[in-house]
Amino acid sequence: MSGDSDCTRTSPSAGSPSDNELLPDRPKYVCSLSPDLVTKAREELQEKPEWRLRDVQALRDMVCKDYPSLGTCLDDAFLLRFLRARKFDYDRALQLLVNYHTCRRTWPEVFSNLKPSAIKPVLESGFVTVLPHRDPEGRHVVCIRPDRWTPSNYPITENIRAIYLTLEKLIQSEETQVNGIVILADYKGVSLSKASHFGPFVAKKVIGILQDGFPIRIKAVNIINEPRIFKGIFAIIKPFLKEKIANRFFLHGCDLNSLHQNIPPLILPEEYGGTAGKLDISAWNELLLASEEDLLHDFSQLVVPCDSSPHDTLVSGDAEEKQCDDSLRGMKPQLYYCY
């Protein structure tokens, strides 16, 4: 369904009893949260069940008023992702939604033909996977292993596509929307040549998506086995990080005991001193590949307008790339020094 048609049909005021009559084809939202998660969402996200649909309608009305050609899905469940990610602050949720679309439309190398089967080589390499067990806070652990990537096989953007699809699959769960996720990044064996692919242009794009352009709560980023070169990588990343996110980075080096203070051994594979058996990537790969039809259906709801784009949100690609190229020239000496 197009953004224009949705907005044309959502003119009633928030909470109007005639909404369902006007929108018979919109899926009715049914909460899947447990009582404990409902309480957690109320305490941490300011989500009040009795006001939930009113809040969704308020965001929908803002989209239709301010961005009538955004071409977004306006279903309750979809909009709830953005409200939860911004603690039900309408303005911030709206900006996140706009950023979500802007990111998708300004990086075609990542978002064109985006589907699990298209990134099967990345999945098979084990570059990114999700551990089978959640942590004690109910958060999925996304495991990223850059050493599994061979740059001659495919560009770095394929890795980013795989991470993005992983997040899209995870965020379908309301439990994940409330609890957030944890990232475990193993930088063992990352060389200077491989690190050079992750320059400021790519770094800015990725960080922009993760902290300002995707409705997911990243609660911690655990870095393990980072070599000296990581100082240079982090020097590239840090200028683009908000202080709140930067404070959630934990550098453990080779100290597994330090890692275990953040992620318990009970859910970690043997490779990281855990007791959950060998790291198995097959289960997550099968789940993601089996979800292709559902993901493509979700993406089909995001209609790219043919005559307009979100106003005041797009930056000239040429100017941005030139700025990042200038930054890269300044960062390269740091990479070589750290190496």
Protein backbone atom coordinates (compact mmCIF):
# COMPACT_ATOMS: atom_id res chain seq x y z
CA MET A 1 0.00 0.00 0.00
CA SER A 2 1.28 3.44 -0.81
CA GLY A 3 2.06 6.16 1.68
CA ASP A 4 -0.31 8.55 -0.10
CA SER A 5 -3.29 6.22 0.08
CA ASP A 6 -2.63 5.40 3.72
CA CYS A 7 -2.46 9.04 4.68
CA THR A 8 -5.58 9.88 2.75
CA ARG A 9 -7.43 7.27 4.74
CA THR A 10 -6.14 8.12 8.21
CA SER A 11 -7.65 11.52 8.71
CA PRO A 12 -9.76 10.80 11.82
CA SER A 13 -8.44 12.21 15.04
CA ALA A 14 -6.40 10.00 17.38
CA GLY A 15 -8.48 7.38 19.12
CA SER A 16 -11.49 7.81 16.81
CA PRO A 17 -13.80 4.77 17.03
CA SER A 18 -14.28 4.91 13.25
CA ASP A 19 -10.65 4.11 12.48
CA ASN A 20 -11.21 0.40 12.02
CA GLU A 21 -14.19 1.04 9.74
CA LEU A 22 -12.09 3.30 7.52
CA LEU A 23 -9.11 0.95 7.47
CA PRO A 24 -10.50 -2.57 7.10
CA ASP A 25 -7.36 -3.89 5.40
CA ARG A 26 -4.92 -2.79 8.09
CA PRO A 27 -3.83 -5.65 10.39
CA LYS A 28 -5.21 -5.30 13.88
CA TYR A 29 -2.47 -5.10 16.48
CA VAL A 30 -2.41 -7.84 19.10
CA CYS A 31 0.16 -7.46 21.87
CA SER A 32 2.44 -10.49 22.30
CA LEU A 33 4.34 -9.17 25.32
CA SER A 34 4.30 -11.16 28.55
CA PRO A 35 2.98 -9.43 31.69
CA ASP A 36 6.58 -8.93 32.86
CA LEU A 37 7.55 -7.30 29.57
CA VAL A 38 4.46 -5.10 29.64
CA THR A 39 5.65 -3.87 33.03
CA LYS A 40 9.20 -3.41 31.75
CA ALA A 41 7.96 -1.46 28.73
CA ARG A 42 5.92 0.78 31.02
CA GLU A 43 8.86 1.46 33.34
CA GLU A 44 11.66 1.80 30.78
CA LEU A 45 9.91 2.98 27.62
CA GLN A 46 6.95 4.91 29.01
CA GLU A 47 4.63 2.56 27.11
CA LYS A 48 1.15 2.51 28.62
CA PRO A 49 -1.03 -0.30 27.24
CA GLU A 50 -4.16 1.76 27.68
CA TRP A 51 -2.67 4.56 25.55
CA ARG A 52 -0.71 2.42 23.08
CA LEU A 53 -3.04 2.65 20.08
CA ARG A 54 -3.66 6.34 20.76
CA ASP A 55 0.09 6.91 20.61
CA VAL A 56 0.38 4.93 17.38
CA GLN A 57 -2.42 6.97 15.83
CA ALA A 58 -0.70 10.19 16.90
CA LEU A 59 2.50 9.13 15.13
CA ARG A 60 0.52 8.06 12.08
CA ASP A 61 -1.19 11.46 11.96
CA MET A 62 2.21 13.22 12.20
CA VAL A 63 3.56 11.17 9.28
CA CYS A 64 0.54 12.00 7.16
CA LYS A 65 0.71 15.68 8.02
CA ASP A 66 4.45 16.29 7.81
CA TYR A 67 5.59 13.57 5.36
CA PRO A 68 2.59 12.59 3.24
CA SER A 69 4.86 11.19 0.50
CA LEU A 70 7.19 9.25 2.76
CA GLY A 71 5.88 5.97 1.39
CA THR A 72 6.04 4.13 4.70
CA CYS A 73 4.03 1.32 6.21
CA LEU A 74 1.52 2.73 8.69
CA ASP A 75 0.46 -0.47 10.40
CA ASP A 76 0.22 -0.34 14.18
CA ALA A 77 2.89 -3.00 14.75
CA PHE A 78 5.37 -1.28 12.42
CA LEU A 79 4.97 2.18 13.94
CA LEU A 80 5.24 0.72 17.44
CA ARG A 81 8.84 -0.25 16.70
CA PHE A 82 9.77 3.40 16.31
CA LEU A 83 7.82 4.57 19.34
CA ARG A 84 9.47 1.95 21.54
CA ALA A 85 12.93 2.76 20.21
CA ARG A 86 12.42 6.41 21.23
CA LYS A 87 10.51 5.83 24.47
CA PHE A 88 7.22 7.05 23.02
CA ASP A 89 8.54 10.51 22.25
CA TYR A 90 6.46 11.35 19.17
CA ASP A 91 8.91 13.81 17.61
CA ARG A 92 11.94 11.57 18.06
CA ALA A 93 10.03 8.54 16.81
CA LEU A 94 8.99 10.47 13.71
CA GLN A 95 12.55 11.55 13.02
CA LEU A 96 13.75 7.97 13.45
CA LEU A 97 11.15 6.79 10.94
CA VAL A 98 12.23 9.43 8.43
CA ASN A 99 15.89 8.53 8.98
CA TYR A 100 15.05 4.86 8.46
CA HIS A 101 13.71 5.64 5.00
CA THR A 102 16.45 8.12 4.19
CA CYS A 103 19.13 5.52 4.94
CA ARG A 104 17.41 2.99 2.70
CA ARG A 105 17.11 5.41 -0.20
CA THR A 106 20.58 6.93 -0.14
CA TRP A 107 22.75 3.81 -0.10
CA PRO A 108 21.69 1.66 -3.08
CA GLU A 109 24.75 -0.60 -2.78
CA VAL A 110 23.29 -1.88 0.48
CA PHE A 111 19.54 -1.67 -0.02
CA SER A 112 19.02 -2.73 -3.64
CA ASN A 113 17.83 -6.34 -3.98
CA LEU A 114 18.02 -6.72 -0.20
CA LYS A 115 16.98 -10.25 0.70
CA PRO A 116 18.54 -13.16 2.61
CA SER A 117 19.25 -15.32 -0.44
CA ALA A 118 21.29 -12.47 -1.95
CA ILE A 119 23.72 -12.51 0.98
CA LYS A 120 23.97 -16.27 1.38
CA PRO A 121 27.79 -16.27 0.94
CA VAL A 122 28.11 -13.88 3.89
CA LEU A 123 25.89 -16.06 6.05
CA GLU A 124 27.82 -19.19 5.10
CA SER A 125 31.11 -17.50 5.99
CA GLY A 126 29.92 -16.99 9.57
CA PHE A 127 30.60 -13.25 9.46
CA VAL A 128 27.40 -12.55 11.38
CA THR A 129 25.13 -14.81 13.38
CA VAL A 130 22.88 -14.74 16.43
CA LEU A 131 23.61 -16.88 19.44
CA PRO A 132 20.81 -19.39 20.17
CA HIS A 133 20.21 -18.23 23.75
CA ARG A 134 19.24 -14.81 25.08
CA ASP A 135 21.16 -13.20 27.93
CA PRO A 136 19.64 -12.83 31.46
CA GLU A 137 18.06 -9.53 30.38
CA GLY A 138 16.21 -11.26 27.55
CA ARG A 139 18.46 -9.77 24.84
CA HIS A 140 19.66 -11.56 21.72
CA VAL A 141 23.43 -11.56 21.20
CA VAL A 142 24.52 -10.71 17.66
CA CYS A 143 27.98 -12.16 16.99
CA ILE A 144 30.13 -10.46 14.32
CA ARG A 145 33.45 -11.96 13.21
CA PRO A 146 35.28 -9.77 10.66
CA ASP A 147 38.06 -12.34 10.28
CA ARG A 148 35.57 -14.58 8.44
CA TRP A 149 35.40 -12.07 5.58
CA THR A 150 37.71 -12.36 2.56
CA PRO A 151 37.66 -8.96 0.78
CA SER A 152 38.48 -10.49 -2.60
CA ASN A 153 35.24 -12.50 -2.48
CA TYR A 154 32.79 -9.60 -2.14
CA PRO A 155 32.76 -5.94 -1.01
CA ILE A 156 32.26 -4.80 2.57
CA THR A 157 28.74 -3.63 1.71
CA GLU A 158 27.66 -7.29 1.53
CA ASN A 159 28.58 -7.66 5.20
CA ILE A 160 26.53 -4.59 6.04
CA ARG A 161 23.57 -6.02 4.13
CA ALA A 162 23.81 -9.22 6.18
CA ILE A 163 23.90 -7.28 9.46
CA TYR A 164 20.94 -5.15 8.39
CA LEU A 165 18.82 -8.16 7.47
CA THR A 166 19.73 -9.77 10.78
CA LEU A 167 18.46 -6.70 12.61
CA GLU A 168 15.29 -6.59 10.50
CA LYS A 169 14.55 -10.17 11.46
CA LEU A 170 15.27 -9.61 15.15
CA ILE A 171 13.16 -6.47 15.41
CA GLN A 172 10.06 -8.36 14.26
CA SER A 173 9.91 -9.67 17.82
CA GLU A 174 8.17 -7.41 20.32
CA GLU A 175 10.37 -8.93 23.00
CA THR A 176 13.44 -7.61 21.19
CA GLN A 177 11.79 -4.22 20.69
CA VAL A 178 11.54 -3.90 24.46
CA ASN A 179 14.72 -5.66 25.61
CA GLY A 180 17.11 -4.54 22.87
CA ILE A 181 20.15 -6.48 21.68
CA VAL A 182 23.79 -7.00 22.61
CA ILE A 183 26.62 -7.11 20.06
CA LEU A 184 29.68 -9.35 20.42
CA ALA A 185 32.39 -8.47 17.89
CA ASP A 186 35.46 -10.70 17.62
CA TYR A 187 38.30 -8.83 15.94
CA LYS A 188 40.76 -11.71 16.04
CA GLY A 189 43.00 -11.70 12.99
CA VAL A 190 41.83 -8.37 11.56
CA SER A 191 44.72 -6.99 9.52
CA LEU A 192 45.55 -3.50 8.32
CA SER A 193 44.50 -4.30 4.76
CA LYS A 194 41.10 -5.52 5.95
CA ALA A 195 40.62 -2.57 8.31
CA SER A 196 41.31 -0.14 5.47
CA HIS A 197 37.99 -1.12 3.87
CA PHE A 198 36.15 0.39 6.84
CA GLY A 199 36.94 4.06 6.20
CA PRO A 200 35.08 7.11 7.50
CA PHE A 201 32.52 7.09 4.66
CA VAL A 202 31.39 3.54 5.47
CA ALA A 203 31.75 4.14 9.21
CA LYS A 204 29.53 7.20 9.12
CA LYS A 205 26.88 5.38 7.10
CA VAL A 206 26.85 2.33 9.39
CA ILE A 207 26.82 4.33 12.60
CA GLY A 208 24.09 6.56 11.17
CA ILE A 209 21.92 3.51 10.60
CA LEU A 210 22.59 1.83 13.94
CA GLN A 211 22.10 4.82 16.23
CA ASP A 212 19.78 7.11 14.26
CA GLY A 213 18.21 5.11 11.43
CA PHE A 214 16.97 1.80 12.77
CA PRO A 215 14.38 1.09 15.50
CA ILE A 216 16.46 -1.17 17.70
CA ARG A 217 17.97 -0.60 21.14
CA ILE A 218 21.66 -1.54 21.22
CA LYS A 219 22.36 -2.04 24.91
CA ALA A 220 26.04 -3.07 24.73
CA VAL A 221 28.85 -3.62 22.22
CA ASN A 222 31.44 -6.09 23.47
CA ILE A 223 34.73 -6.15 21.57
CA ILE A 224 36.92 -9.22 22.03
CA ASN A 225 40.41 -10.08 20.72
CA GLU A 226 40.91 -6.62 19.29
CA PRO A 227 44.43 -6.11 17.86
CA ARG A 228 46.37 -2.87 18.07
CA ILE A 229 44.86 -1.85 14.75
CA PHE A 230 41.49 -1.52 16.49
CA LYS A 231 42.68 1.72 18.06
CA GLY A 232 42.70 3.13 14.54
CA ILE A 233 39.32 1.64 13.71
CA PHE A 234 37.78 3.06 16.87
CA ALA A 235 39.36 6.43 16.10
CA ILE A 236 37.37 6.39 12.86
CA ILE A 237 34.14 5.35 14.53
CA LYS A 238 34.17 7.44 17.70
CA PRO A 239 33.56 10.90 16.15
CA PHE A 240 30.25 9.62 14.82
CA LEU A 241 29.09 8.06 18.10
CA LYS A 242 26.82 9.77 20.57
CA GLU A 243 28.18 9.75 24.10
CA LYS A 244 25.44 7.39 25.29
CA ILE A 245 26.37 4.80 22.66
CA ALA A 246 30.13 5.29 23.08
CA ASN A 247 29.75 4.48 26.78
CA ARG A 248 28.23 1.14 25.86
CA PHE A 249 31.41 -0.07 24.13
CA PHE A 250 33.43 -2.53 26.20
CA LEU A 251 36.93 -3.51 25.03
CA HIS A 252 37.92 -6.84 26.56
CA GLY A 253 41.07 -7.70 24.64
CA CYS A 254 41.83 -11.39 25.22
CA ASP A 255 40.38 -11.36 28.73
CA LEU A 256 37.49 -13.81 28.67
CA ASN A 257 36.79 -13.20 32.35
CA SER A 258 36.12 -9.58 31.49
CA LEU A 259 33.75 -10.66 28.70
CA HIS A 260 31.94 -13.01 31.08
CA GLN A 261 31.10 -10.10 33.36
CA ASN A 262 28.92 -8.74 30.53
CA ILE A 263 27.80 -11.96 28.84
CA PRO A 264 27.49 -15.06 31.04
CA PRO A 265 29.39 -18.23 29.98
CA LEU A 266 26.09 -20.14 30.11
CA ILE A 267 24.99 -18.65 26.77
CA LEU A 268 28.42 -18.30 25.14
CA PRO A 269 29.95 -20.89 22.81
CA GLU A 270 33.17 -22.70 23.69
CA GLU A 271 35.15 -20.33 21.46
CA TYR A 272 34.53 -17.59 24.03
CA GLY A 273 34.96 -19.64 27.17
CA GLY A 274 31.30 -20.55 27.36
CA THR A 275 29.43 -23.75 28.09
CA ALA A 276 26.87 -23.63 25.26
CA GLY A 277 28.82 -25.91 22.92
CA LYS A 278 30.55 -25.06 19.65
CA LEU A 279 29.43 -21.94 17.81
CA ASP A 280 26.79 -23.11 15.33
CA ILE A 281 25.80 -20.70 12.57
CA SER A 282 23.48 -23.07 10.73
CA ALA A 283 20.37 -22.52 12.85
CA TRP A 284 20.36 -18.74 12.42
CA ASN A 285 21.19 -19.01 8.70
CA GLU A 286 18.27 -21.38 8.15
CA LEU A 287 15.91 -19.12 10.11
CA LEU A 288 16.91 -16.00 8.20
CA LEU A 289 16.76 -17.68 4.79
CA ALA A 290 13.35 -19.15 5.65
CA SER A 291 12.13 -15.64 6.50
CA GLU A 292 12.78 -14.24 3.02
CA GLU A 293 9.14 -14.13 1.96
CA ASP A 294 8.07 -12.36 5.15
CA LEU A 295 10.90 -9.84 4.91
CA LEU A 296 10.19 -9.11 1.24
CA HIS A 297 6.53 -8.58 2.12
CA ASP A 298 7.53 -6.12 4.84
CA PHE A 299 9.89 -4.30 2.47
CA SER A 300 7.15 -4.12 -0.18
CA GLN A 301 5.19 -1.88 2.19
CA LEU A 302 7.99 0.70 1.96
CA VAL A 303 7.10 2.46 -1.26
CA VAL A 304 9.71 4.74 -2.82
CA PRO A 305 7.92 7.90 -4.02
CA CYS A 306 8.62 8.66 -7.67
CA ASP A 307 8.36 12.43 -7.36
CA SER A 308 9.47 13.33 -3.85
CA SER A 309 11.63 12.41 -0.87
CA PRO A 310 11.69 13.34 2.82
CA HIS A 311 12.39 17.05 2.97
CA ASP A 312 15.37 18.46 4.83
CA THR A 313 16.77 14.98 5.52
CA LEU A 314 18.95 14.17 2.54
CA VAL A 315 22.58 15.20 2.23
CA SER A 316 24.27 15.42 -1.13
CA GLY A 317 25.98 12.09 -1.68
CA ASP A 318 28.88 13.70 -3.55
CA ALA A 319 29.48 16.26 -0.82
CA GLU A 320 29.23 13.66 1.93
CA GLU A 321 31.61 11.31 0.14
CA LYS A 322 34.12 14.09 -0.47
CA GLN A 323 33.99 15.10 3.20
CA CYS A 324 34.56 11.50 4.27
CA ASP A 325 37.38 11.04 1.76
CA ASP A 326 39.09 14.07 3.30
CA SER A 327 38.63 12.51 6.73
CA LEU A 328 40.01 9.21 5.49
CA ARG A 329 43.23 10.85 4.39
CA GLY A 330 43.60 12.17 7.92
CA MET A 331 42.77 8.83 9.52
CA LYS A 332 45.08 6.59 7.48
CA PRO A 333 48.22 7.66 9.36
CA GLN A 334 46.45 6.61 12.61
CA LEU A 335 45.78 3.17 11.17
CA TYR A 336 49.39 2.67 10.15
CA TYR A 337 50.67 4.03 13.46
CA CYS A 338 48.46 1.66 15.47
CA TYR A 339 49.40 -1.27 13.28
